[in-house]
C-alpha atoms as a PDB file:
ATOM      1  CA  UNK A   1     -18.182  98.384 -57.498  1.00  0.00           C
ATOM      2  CA  UNK A   2     -18.585  98.866 -53.786  1.00  0.00           C
ATOM      3  CA  UNK A   3     -22.155 100.033 -54.180  1.00  0.00           C
ATOM      4  CA  UNK A   4     -21.939 102.696 -51.441  1.00  0.00           C
ATOM      5  CA  UNK A   5     -23.858 105.906 -52.069  1.00  0.00           C
ATOM      6  CA  UNK A   6     -22.738 109.164 -50.527  1.00  0.00           C
ATOM      7  CA  UNK A   7     -24.335 112.476 -49.972  1.00  0.00           C
ATOM      8  CA  UNK A   8     -24.915 114.751 -52.972  1.00  0.00           C
ATOM      9  CA  UNK A   9     -21.674 116.707 -52.208  1.00  0.00           C
ATOM     10  CA  UNK A  10     -19.572 113.564 -52.268  1.00  0.00           C
ATOM     11  CA  UNK A  11     -18.801 111.415 -55.305  1.00  0.00           C
ATOM     12  CA  UNK A  12     -20.228 108.004 -56.146  1.00  0.00           C
ATOM     13  CA  UNK A  13     -17.113 105.923 -56.147  1.00  0.00           C
ATOM     14  CA  UNK A  14     -16.329 103.044 -58.433  1.00  0.00           C
ATOM     15  CA  UNK A  15     -13.208 100.972 -57.685  1.00  0.00           C
ATOM     16  CA  UNK A  16     -11.045  99.779 -60.556  1.00  0.00           C
ATOM     17  CA  UNK A  17      -7.619  98.452 -61.093  1.00  0.00           C
ATOM     18  CA  UNK A  18      -6.396  94.981 -62.194  1.00  0.00           C
ATOM     19  CA  UNK A  19      -8.966  92.314 -61.355  1.00  0.00           C
ATOM     20  CA  UNK A  20     -11.817  94.749 -61.135  1.00  0.00           C
ATOM     21  CA  UNK A  21     -15.171  92.845 -61.246  1.00  0.00           C
ATOM     22  CA  UNK A  22     -16.423  95.306 -63.799  1.00  0.00           C
ATOM     23  CA  UNK A  23     -13.991  93.869 -66.357  1.00  0.00           C
ATOM     24  CA  UNK A  24     -14.933  90.198 -65.787  1.00  0.00           C
ATOM     25  CA  UNK A  25     -18.292  90.456 -67.417  1.00  0.00           C
ATOM     26  CA  UNK A  26     -18.858  91.058 -71.181  1.00  0.00           C
ATOM     27  CA  UNK A  27     -19.928  94.536 -72.281  1.00  0.00           C
ATOM     28  CA  UNK A  28     -23.644  95.061 -71.965  1.00  0.00           C
ATOM     29  CA  UNK A  29     -26.303  97.318 -73.409  1.00  0.00           C
ATOM     30  CA  UNK A  30     -25.242 100.536 -71.648  1.00  0.00           C
ATOM     31  CA  UNK A  31     -21.591 100.004 -72.695  1.00  0.00           C
ATOM     32  CA  UNK A  32     -22.545  99.498 -76.355  1.00  0.00           C
ATOM     33  CA  UNK A  33     -24.916 102.473 -76.321  1.00  0.00           C
ATOM     34  CA  UNK A  34     -22.389 104.879 -74.696  1.00  0.00           C
ATOM     35  CA  UNK A  35     -19.418 103.725 -76.733  1.00  0.00           C
ATOM     36  CA  UNK A  36     -21.476 103.860 -79.864  1.00  0.00           C
ATOM     37  CA  UNK A  37     -22.305 107.530 -79.130  1.00  0.00           C
ATOM     38  CA  UNK A  38     -18.637 108.314 -78.484  1.00  0.00           C
ATOM     39  CA  UNK A  39     -17.539 106.643 -81.734  1.00  0.00           C
ATOM     40  CA  UNK A  40     -19.763 109.030 -83.682  1.00  0.00           C
ATOM     41  CA  UNK A  41     -17.518 112.009 -82.891  1.00  0.00           C
ATOM     42  CA  UNK A  42     -14.271 110.726 -81.305  1.00  0.00           C
ATOM     43  CA  UNK A  43     -11.343 108.920 -82.919  1.00  0.00           C
ATOM     44  CA  UNK A  44     -12.219 105.266 -83.031  1.00  0.00           C
ATOM     45  CA  UNK A  45      -8.626 104.077 -83.008  1.00  0.00           C
ATOM     46  CA  UNK A  46      -7.804 106.090 -79.925  1.00  0.00           C
ATOM     47  CA  UNK A  47     -10.967 104.745 -78.218  1.00  0.00           C
ATOM     48  CA  UNK A  48      -9.816 101.202 -79.092  1.00  0.00           C
ATOM     49  CA  UNK A  49      -6.446 101.825 -77.426  1.00  0.00           C
ATOM     50  CA  UNK A  50      -8.242 103.215 -74.410  1.00  0.00           C
ATOM     51  CA  UNK A  51     -10.423 100.059 -74.154  1.00  0.00           C
ATOM     52  CA  UNK A  52      -7.262  97.925 -74.137  1.00  0.00           C
ATOM     53  CA  UNK A  53      -5.810 100.081 -71.309  1.00  0.00           C
ATOM     54  CA  UNK A  54      -9.039  99.814 -69.368  1.00  0.00           C
ATOM     55  CA  UNK A  55      -9.115  96.032 -69.790  1.00  0.00           C
ATOM     56  CA  UNK A  56      -5.522  95.879 -68.470  1.00  0.00           C
ATOM     57  CA  UNK A  57      -6.754  97.491 -65.261  1.00  0.00           C
ATOM     58  CA  UNK A  58      -5.085 100.894 -65.741  1.00  0.00           C
ATOM     59  CA  UNK A  59      -8.208 102.745 -64.538  1.00  0.00           C
ATOM     60  CA  UNK A  60      -7.786 102.637 -60.723  1.00  0.00           C
ATOM     61  CA  UNK A  61     -10.879 104.589 -59.655  1.00  0.00           C
ATOM     62  CA  UNK A  62     -13.832 106.600 -60.857  1.00  0.00           C
ATOM     63  CA  UNK A  63     -15.583 109.318 -58.816  1.00  0.00           C
ATOM     64  CA  UNK A  64     -19.007 110.147 -60.351  1.00  0.00           C
ATOM     65  CA  UNK A  65     -20.587 113.515 -59.606  1.00  0.00           C
ATOM     66  CA  UNK A  66     -23.316 115.386 -61.403  1.00  0.00           C
ATOM     67  CA  UNK A  67     -21.876 116.449 -64.796  1.00  0.00           C
ATOM     68  CA  UNK A  68     -18.340 115.409 -63.870  1.00  0.00           C
ATOM     69  CA  UNK A  69     -16.376 112.176 -63.567  1.00  0.00           C
ATOM     70  CA  UNK A  70     -12.868 112.151 -62.148  1.00  0.00           C
ATOM     71  CA  UNK A  71     -10.760 109.064 -62.905  1.00  0.00           C
ATOM     72  CA  UNK A  72      -7.270 107.997 -61.905  1.00  0.00           C
ATOM     73  CA  UNK A  73      -5.511 106.168 -64.753  1.00  0.00           C
ATOM     74  CA  UNK A  74      -1.992 104.648 -64.515  1.00  0.00           C
ATOM     75  CA  UNK A  75       0.550 104.305 -67.310  1.00  0.00           C
ATOM     76  CA  UNK A  76       1.016 100.974 -69.054  1.00  0.00           C
ATOM     77  CA  UNK A  77       3.922 100.080 -66.708  1.00  0.00           C
ATOM     78  CA  UNK A  78       2.300 101.495 -63.643  1.00  0.00           C
ATOM     79  CA  UNK A  79       5.553 102.967 -62.363  1.00  0.00           C
ATOM     80  CA  UNK A  80       4.594 106.649 -62.297  1.00  0.00           C
ATOM     81  CA  UNK A  81       1.829 108.360 -60.420  1.00  0.00           C
ATOM     82  CA  UNK A  82      -1.577 107.851 -62.109  1.00  0.00           C
ATOM     83  CA  UNK A  83      -2.920 110.663 -64.190  1.00  0.00           C
ATOM     84  CA  UNK A  84      -6.008 112.462 -63.093  1.00  0.00           C
ATOM     85  CA  UNK A  85      -8.645 112.543 -65.799  1.00  0.00           C
ATOM     86  CA  UNK A  86     -11.830 114.640 -65.885  1.00  0.00           C
ATOM     87  CA  UNK A  87     -14.871 113.817 -67.994  1.00  0.00           C
ATOM     88  CA  UNK A  88     -17.402 116.664 -68.003  1.00  0.00           C
ATOM     89  CA  UNK A  89     -20.852 117.074 -69.485  1.00  0.00           C
ATOM     90  CA  UNK A  90     -22.810 120.238 -70.249  1.00  0.00           C
ATOM     91  CA  UNK A  91     -25.421 120.692 -67.538  1.00  0.00           C
ATOM     92  CA  UNK A  92     -29.012 119.790 -68.387  1.00  0.00           C
ATOM     93  CA  UNK A  93     -31.512 122.626 -68.264  1.00  0.00           C
ATOM     94  CA  UNK A  94     -34.771 120.883 -67.896  1.00  0.00           C
ATOM     95  CA  UNK A  95     -34.642 118.297 -65.142  1.00  0.00           C
ATOM     96  CA  UNK A  96     -37.998 119.362 -63.771  1.00  0.00           C
ATOM     97  CA  UNK A  97     -39.613 118.474 -67.081  1.00  0.00           C
ATOM     98  CA  UNK A  98     -37.771 115.123 -67.180  1.00  0.00           C
ATOM     99  CA  UNK A  99     -38.856 114.205 -63.673  1.00  0.00           C
ATOM    100  CA  UNK A 100     -42.377 115.150 -64.535  1.00  0.00           C
ATOM    101  CA  UNK A 101     -42.383 112.868 -67.575  1.00  0.00           C
ATOM    102  CA  UNK A 102     -40.841 109.979 -65.608  1.00  0.00           C
ATOM    103  CA  UNK A 103     -43.453 110.407 -62.902  1.00  0.00           C
ATOM    104  CA  UNK A 104     -46.330 110.684 -65.345  1.00  0.00           C
ATOM    105  CA  UNK A 105     -45.435 107.520 -67.234  1.00  0.00           C
ATOM    106  CA  UNK A 106     -46.507 104.777 -64.837  1.00  0.00           C
ATOM    107  CA  UNK A 107     -44.164 102.088 -66.100  1.00  0.00           C
ATOM    108  CA  UNK A 108     -41.070 104.244 -65.819  1.00  0.00           C
ATOM    109  CA  UNK A 109     -42.025 105.564 -62.410  1.00  0.00           C
ATOM    110  CA  UNK A 110     -42.740 102.075 -61.025  1.00  0.00           C
ATOM    111  CA  UNK A 111     -39.497 100.529 -62.352  1.00  0.00           C
ATOM    112  CA  UNK A 112     -37.327 103.381 -61.125  1.00  0.00           C
ATOM    113  CA  UNK A 113     -38.904 103.281 -57.654  1.00  0.00           C
ATOM    114  CA  UNK A 114     -38.319  99.491 -57.671  1.00  0.00           C
ATOM    115  CA  UNK A 115     -34.564 100.216 -58.159  1.00  0.00           C
ATOM    116  CA  UNK A 116     -34.427  99.516 -61.939  1.00  0.00           C
ATOM    117  CA  UNK A 117     -33.492 101.923 -64.734  1.00  0.00           C
ATOM    118  CA  UNK A 118     -35.590 101.002 -67.773  1.00  0.00           C
ATOM    119  CA  UNK A 119     -33.452 100.417 -70.852  1.00  0.00           C
ATOM    120  CA  UNK A 120     -35.633 102.811 -72.878  1.00  0.00           C
ATOM    121  CA  UNK A 121     -35.388 105.667 -70.395  1.00  0.00           C
ATOM    122  CA  UNK A 122     -33.359 107.378 -73.070  1.00  0.00           C
ATOM    123  CA  UNK A 123     -36.599 107.891 -75.001  1.00  0.00           C
ATOM    124  CA  UNK A 124     -38.029 110.018 -72.185  1.00  0.00           C
ATOM    125  CA  UNK A 125     -34.970 112.285 -72.361  1.00  0.00           C
ATOM    126  CA  UNK A 126     -35.360 112.519 -76.125  1.00  0.00           C
ATOM    127  CA  UNK A 127     -38.991 113.475 -75.782  1.00  0.00           C
ATOM    128  CA  UNK A 128     -37.881 116.350 -73.514  1.00  0.00           C
ATOM    129  CA  UNK A 129     -35.280 117.453 -76.116  1.00  0.00           C
ATOM    130  CA  UNK A 130     -32.294 116.194 -74.063  1.00  0.00           C
ATOM    131  CA  UNK A 131     -29.675 113.603 -74.979  1.00  0.00           C
ATOM    132  CA  UNK A 132     -28.839 111.054 -72.328  1.00  0.00           C
ATOM    133  CA  UNK A 133     -25.340 110.633 -73.845  1.00  0.00           C
ATOM    134  CA  UNK A 134     -23.190 113.269 -75.521  1.00  0.00           C
ATOM    135  CA  UNK A 135     -23.771 113.511 -79.251  1.00  0.00           C
ATOM    136  CA  UNK A 136     -21.023 115.932 -80.245  1.00  0.00           C
ATOM    137  CA  UNK A 137     -17.509 116.858 -79.172  1.00  0.00           C
ATOM    138  CA  UNK A 138     -18.631 120.153 -77.641  1.00  0.00           C
ATOM    139  CA  UNK A 139     -20.944 118.312 -75.239  1.00  0.00           C
ATOM    140  CA  UNK A 140     -18.102 116.313 -73.700  1.00  0.00           C
ATOM    141  CA  UNK A 141     -15.106 118.024 -72.129  1.00  0.00           C
ATOM    142  CA  UNK A 142     -11.968 115.799 -71.615  1.00  0.00           C
ATOM    143  CA  UNK A 143      -8.964 116.801 -69.438  1.00  0.00           C
ATOM    144  CA  UNK A 144      -5.813 114.779 -68.592  1.00  0.00           C
ATOM    145  CA  UNK A 145      -2.446 115.666 -67.109  1.00  0.00           C
ATOM    146  CA  UNK A 146      -0.472 113.739 -69.741  1.00  0.00           C
ATOM    147  CA  UNK A 147       1.561 115.324 -72.548  1.00  0.00           C
ATOM    148  CA  UNK A 148      -0.737 114.145 -75.320  1.00  0.00           C
ATOM    149  CA  UNK A 149      -2.741 117.109 -76.417  1.00  0.00           C
ATOM    150  CA  UNK A 150      -5.079 115.234 -78.891  1.00  0.00           C
ATOM    151  CA  UNK A 151      -8.496 114.118 -77.662  1.00  0.00           C
ATOM    152  CA  UNK A 152      -9.029 111.521 -76.511  1.00  0.00           C
ATOM    153  CA  UNK A 153      -5.651 110.521 -75.114  1.00  0.00           C
ATOM    154  CA  UNK A 154      -5.244 106.887 -74.083  1.00  0.00           C
ATOM    155  CA  UNK A 155      -6.006 107.797 -70.400  1.00  0.00           C
ATOM    156  CA  UNK A 156      -9.286 109.663 -71.106  1.00  0.00           C
ATOM    157  CA  UNK A 157     -10.282 106.944 -73.571  1.00  0.00           C
ATOM    158  CA  UNK A 158      -9.614 104.310 -70.929  1.00  0.00           C
ATOM    159  CA  UNK A 159     -11.661 106.244 -68.360  1.00  0.00           C
ATOM    160  CA  UNK A 160     -14.564 106.474 -70.839  1.00  0.00           C
ATOM    161  CA  UNK A 161     -14.514 102.733 -71.431  1.00  0.00           C
ATOM    162  CA  UNK A 162     -14.350 101.955 -67.731  1.00  0.00           C
ATOM    163  CA  UNK A 163     -17.228 104.400 -67.130  1.00  0.00           C
ATOM    164  CA  UNK A 164     -19.201 102.516 -69.767  1.00  0.00           C
ATOM    165  CA  UNK A 165     -18.695  99.260 -67.893  1.00  0.00           C
ATOM    166  CA  UNK A 166     -19.748 100.977 -64.715  1.00  0.00           C
ATOM    167  CA  UNK A 167     -22.995 101.971 -66.404  1.00  0.00           C
ATOM    168  CA  UNK A 168     -23.661  98.270 -67.068  1.00  0.00           C
ATOM    169  CA  UNK A 169     -23.080  97.472 -63.413  1.00  0.00           C
ATOM    170  CA  UNK A 170     -25.285 100.306 -62.117  1.00  0.00           C
ATOM    171  CA  UNK A 171     -27.291 102.205 -64.730  1.00  0.00           C
ATOM    172  CA  UNK A 172     -28.266 104.830 -62.050  1.00  0.00           C
ATOM    173  CA  UNK A 173     -24.715 106.223 -62.656  1.00  0.00           C
ATOM    174  CA  UNK A 174     -25.853 107.286 -66.128  1.00  0.00           C
ATOM    175  CA  UNK A 175     -28.471 109.500 -64.462  1.00  0.00           C
ATOM    176  CA  UNK A 176     -26.040 110.612 -61.748  1.00  0.00           C
ATOM    177  CA  UNK A 177     -23.558 111.828 -64.361  1.00  0.00           C
ATOM    178  CA  UNK A 178     -26.369 113.626 -66.054  1.00  0.00           C
ATOM    179  CA  UNK A 179     -27.248 115.549 -62.899  1.00  0.00           C
ATOM    180  CA  UNK A 180     -29.469 113.372 -60.670  1.00  0.00           C
ATOM    181  CA  UNK A 181     -28.236 110.759 -58.217  1.00  0.00           C
ATOM    182  CA  UNK A 182     -30.390 107.747 -57.443  1.00  0.00           C
ATOM    183  CA  UNK A 183     -31.541 109.202 -54.130  1.00  0.00           C
ATOM    184  CA  UNK A 184     -32.322 112.598 -55.531  1.00  0.00           C
ATOM    185  CA  UNK A 185     -34.315 111.176 -58.448  1.00  0.00           C
ATOM    186  CA  UNK A 186     -36.297 108.725 -56.396  1.00  0.00           C
ATOM    187  CA  UNK A 187     -37.081 111.301 -53.778  1.00  0.00           C
ATOM    188  CA  UNK A 188     -38.403 113.616 -56.470  1.00  0.00           C
ATOM    189  CA  UNK A 189     -40.543 110.867 -57.986  1.00  0.00           C
ATOM    190  CA  UNK A 190     -42.061 109.964 -54.578  1.00  0.00           C
ATOM    191  CA  UNK A 191     -43.039 113.537 -53.914  1.00  0.00           C
ATOM    192  CA  UNK A 192     -44.832 114.026 -57.214  1.00  0.00           C
ATOM    193  CA  UNK A 193     -48.512 113.064 -57.153  1.00  0.00           C
ATOM    194  CA  UNK A 194     -49.617 110.126 -59.317  1.00  0.00           C
ATOM    195  CA  UNK A 195     -51.272 111.481 -62.439  1.00  0.00           C
ATOM    196  CA  UNK A 196     -54.053 109.494 -64.046  1.00  0.00           C
ATOM    197  CA  UNK A 197     -54.500 110.323 -67.679  1.00  0.00           C
ATOM    198  CA  UNK A 198     -57.677 109.429 -69.537  1.00  0.00           C
ATOM    199  CA  UNK A 199     -57.135 108.545 -73.177  1.00  0.00           C
ATOM    200  CA  UNK A 200     -58.359 111.228 -75.600  1.00  0.00           C
ATOM    201  CA  UNK A 201     -61.822 110.835 -76.966  1.00  0.00           C
ATOM    202  CA  UNK A 202     -61.591 109.940 -80.649  1.00  0.00           C
ATOM    203  CA  UNK A 203     -64.735 110.409 -82.631  1.00  0.00           C
ATOM    204  CA  UNK A 204     -65.607 107.260 -84.552  1.00  0.00           C
ATOM    205  CA  UNK A 205     -68.229 106.719 -87.313  1.00  0.00           C
ATOM    206  CA  UNK A 206     -70.544 105.222 -84.690  1.00  0.00           C
ATOM    207  CA  UNK A 207     -70.370 108.431 -82.655  1.00  0.00           C
ATOM    208  CA  UNK A 208     -70.810 110.776 -85.595  1.00  0.00           C
ATOM    209  CA  UNK A 209     -73.975 112.829 -85.588  1.00  0.00           C
ATOM    210  CA  UNK A 210     -76.632 111.491 -87.963  1.00  0.00           C
ATOM    211  CA  UNK A 211     -74.907 108.077 -88.514  1.00  0.00           C
ATOM    212  CA  UNK A 212     -78.053 106.084 -87.884  1.00  0.00           C
ATOM    213  CA  UNK A 213     -80.268 108.342 -90.037  1.00  0.00           C
ATOM    214  CA  UNK A 214     -80.534 107.246 -93.702  1.00  0.00           C
ATOM    215  CA  UNK A 215     -79.666 110.195 -95.971  1.00  0.00           C
ATOM    216  CA  UNK A 216     -82.838 109.944 -98.114  1.00  0.00           C
ATOM    217  CA  UNK A 217     -85.218 108.242 -95.759  1.00  0.00           C
ATOM    218  CA  UNK A 218     -86.191 104.550 -95.784  1.00  0.00           C
ATOM    219  CA  UNK A 219     -88.635 105.030 -98.701  1.00  0.00           C
ATOM    220  CA  UNK A 220     -85.873 106.258-100.961  1.00  0.00           C
ATOM    221  CA  UNK A 221     -83.996 103.037-100.444  1.00  0.00           C
ATOM    222  CA  UNK A 222     -86.591 101.143-102.445  1.00  0.00           C
ATOM    223  CA  UNK A 223     -86.175 103.463-105.438  1.00  0.00           C
ATOM    224  CA  UNK A 224     -82.450 102.976-105.773  1.00  0.00           C
ATOM    225  CA  UNK A 225     -81.365 101.209-108.959  1.00  0.00           C
ATOM    226  CA  UNK A 226     -79.980  97.792-108.328  1.00  0.00           C
ATOM    227  CA  UNK A 227     -76.483  96.946-109.492  1.00  0.00           C
ATOM    228  CA  UNK A 228     -76.374  94.907-112.653  1.00  0.00           C
ATOM    229  CA  UNK A 229     -75.821  91.169-111.968  1.00  0.00           C
ATOM    230  CA  UNK A 230     -72.396  89.691-112.618  1.00  0.00           C
ATOM    231  CA  UNK A 231     -72.133  87.853-115.943  1.00  0.00           C
ATOM    232  CA  UNK A 232     -72.628  84.091-115.734  1.00  0.00           C
ATOM    233  CA  UNK A 233     -69.442  82.113-115.328  1.00  0.00           C
ATOM    234  CA  UNK A 234     -67.438  85.161-114.029  1.00  0.00           C
ATOM    235  CA  UNK A 235     -66.011  83.175-111.136  1.00  0.00           C
ATOM    236  CA  UNK A 236     -64.789  80.465-113.530  1.00  0.00           C
ATOM    237  CA  UNK A 237     -62.916  83.158-115.528  1.00  0.00           C
ATOM    238  CA  UNK A 238     -61.422  84.890-112.491  1.00  0.00           C
ATOM    239  CA  UNK A 239     -59.904  81.784-110.943  1.00  0.00           C
ATOM    240  CA  UNK A 240     -57.040  79.813-112.390  1.00  0.00           C
ATOM    241  CA  UNK A 241     -58.595  77.042-114.432  1.00  0.00           C
ATOM    242  CA  UNK A 242     -57.885  73.494-113.270  1.00  0.00           C
ATOM    243  CA  UNK A 243     -55.846  71.282-115.465  1.00  0.00           C
ATOM    244  CA  UNK A 244     -58.864  69.006-116.070  1.00  0.00           C
ATOM    245  CA  UNK A 245     -60.445  68.155-119.433  1.00  0.00           C
ATOM    246  CA  UNK A 246     -63.658  66.331-120.256  1.00  0.00           C
ATOM    247  CA  UNK A 247     -63.631  64.676-123.684  1.00  0.00           C
ATOM    248  CA  UNK A 248     -60.664  66.901-124.589  1.00  0.00           C
ATOM    249  CA  UNK A 249     -62.534  70.097-123.652  1.00  0.00           C
ATOM    250  CA  UNK A 250     -61.376  72.356-120.793  1.00  0.00           C
ATOM    251  CA  UNK A 251     -63.474  71.989-117.681  1.00  0.00           C
ATOM    252  CA  UNK A 252     -64.318  75.753-117.703  1.00  0.00           C
ATOM    253  CA  UNK A 253     -65.858  75.434-121.193  1.00  0.00           C
ATOM    254  CA  UNK A 254     -67.931  72.458-120.065  1.00  0.00           C
ATOM    255  CA  UNK A 255     -69.262  74.171-116.903  1.00  0.00           C
ATOM    256  CA  UNK A 256     -69.996  77.552-118.424  1.00  0.00           C
ATOM    257  CA  UNK A 257     -73.348  76.611-120.092  1.00  0.00           C
ATOM    258  CA  UNK A 258     -74.548  75.150-116.766  1.00  0.00           C
ATOM    259  CA  UNK A 259     -73.725  78.477-114.971  1.00  0.00           C
ATOM    260  CA  UNK A 260     -75.598  80.437-117.713  1.00  0.00           C
ATOM    261  CA  UNK A 261     -78.674  78.271-117.418  1.00  0.00           C
ATOM    262  CA  UNK A 262     -78.710  78.610-113.618  1.00  0.00           C
ATOM    263  CA  UNK A 263     -78.597  82.378-114.032  1.00  0.00           C
ATOM    264  CA  UNK A 264     -81.502  82.452-116.493  1.00  0.00           C
ATOM    265  CA  UNK A 265     -83.829  79.707-115.254  1.00  0.00           C
ATOM    266  CA  UNK A 266     -82.575  78.680-111.830  1.00  0.00           C
ATOM    267  CA  UNK A 267     -81.862  75.074-112.911  1.00  0.00           C
ATOM    268  CA  UNK A 268     -79.156  73.469-115.031  1.00  0.00           C
ATOM    269  CA  UNK A 269     -79.981  72.038-118.465  1.00  0.00           C
ATOM    270  CA  UNK A 270     -80.941  68.332-118.826  1.00  0.00           C
END
């Protein structure tokens, strides 16, 4: 990717073709997440064919605009003019809320302003009721000039896979396709005041009214009936007996009289 950013009216351009640096690295987190979402509602076999075409370098260029990606994809032989492919998303209604949440959550705000898209930014979108990636066929609109009328054709599938690799290279393209370029988003975050939230006060037993006041007064505590003592030798019966015998008698049977005498007189028998 050439890394150049344009004004909002111009596309963010990703160069492709044979030998593209995007295809030299293994697929990363954003590729797997995006392709996984696509496979939930698009034909997996056609997506696989599109991946092979993308890896052959048939995607020559991507132009990323808010809610629309234009790609130029050649045929396998490369003899004809490349097909123009369009990948469109339904516009997000709620970017003000998303920007507010990103600004309010200190970790997300700091990492974005430092030039990093947090991997879990998708969670913020979900909390605002918005999907970062399309989750159904009606949320993704595919167009291609080829004669194949079934979606996705090999050219749109190749463009989708190449776009996924571009997301790994620059995750800000995920946000740009969803309606906010890097510059637009960071400008909005800088303009928002830093909000400091205090944690909610949770009433604990130590804070409950009357916690330190005995319910019946201190005098009533003396009148309470004591619990009956545990029977002598209870501990010996609760624990697993050791495999030890004294004069052919189990050790528990030998010790029990001593426990009983201690409970009654405070000293073991002679």
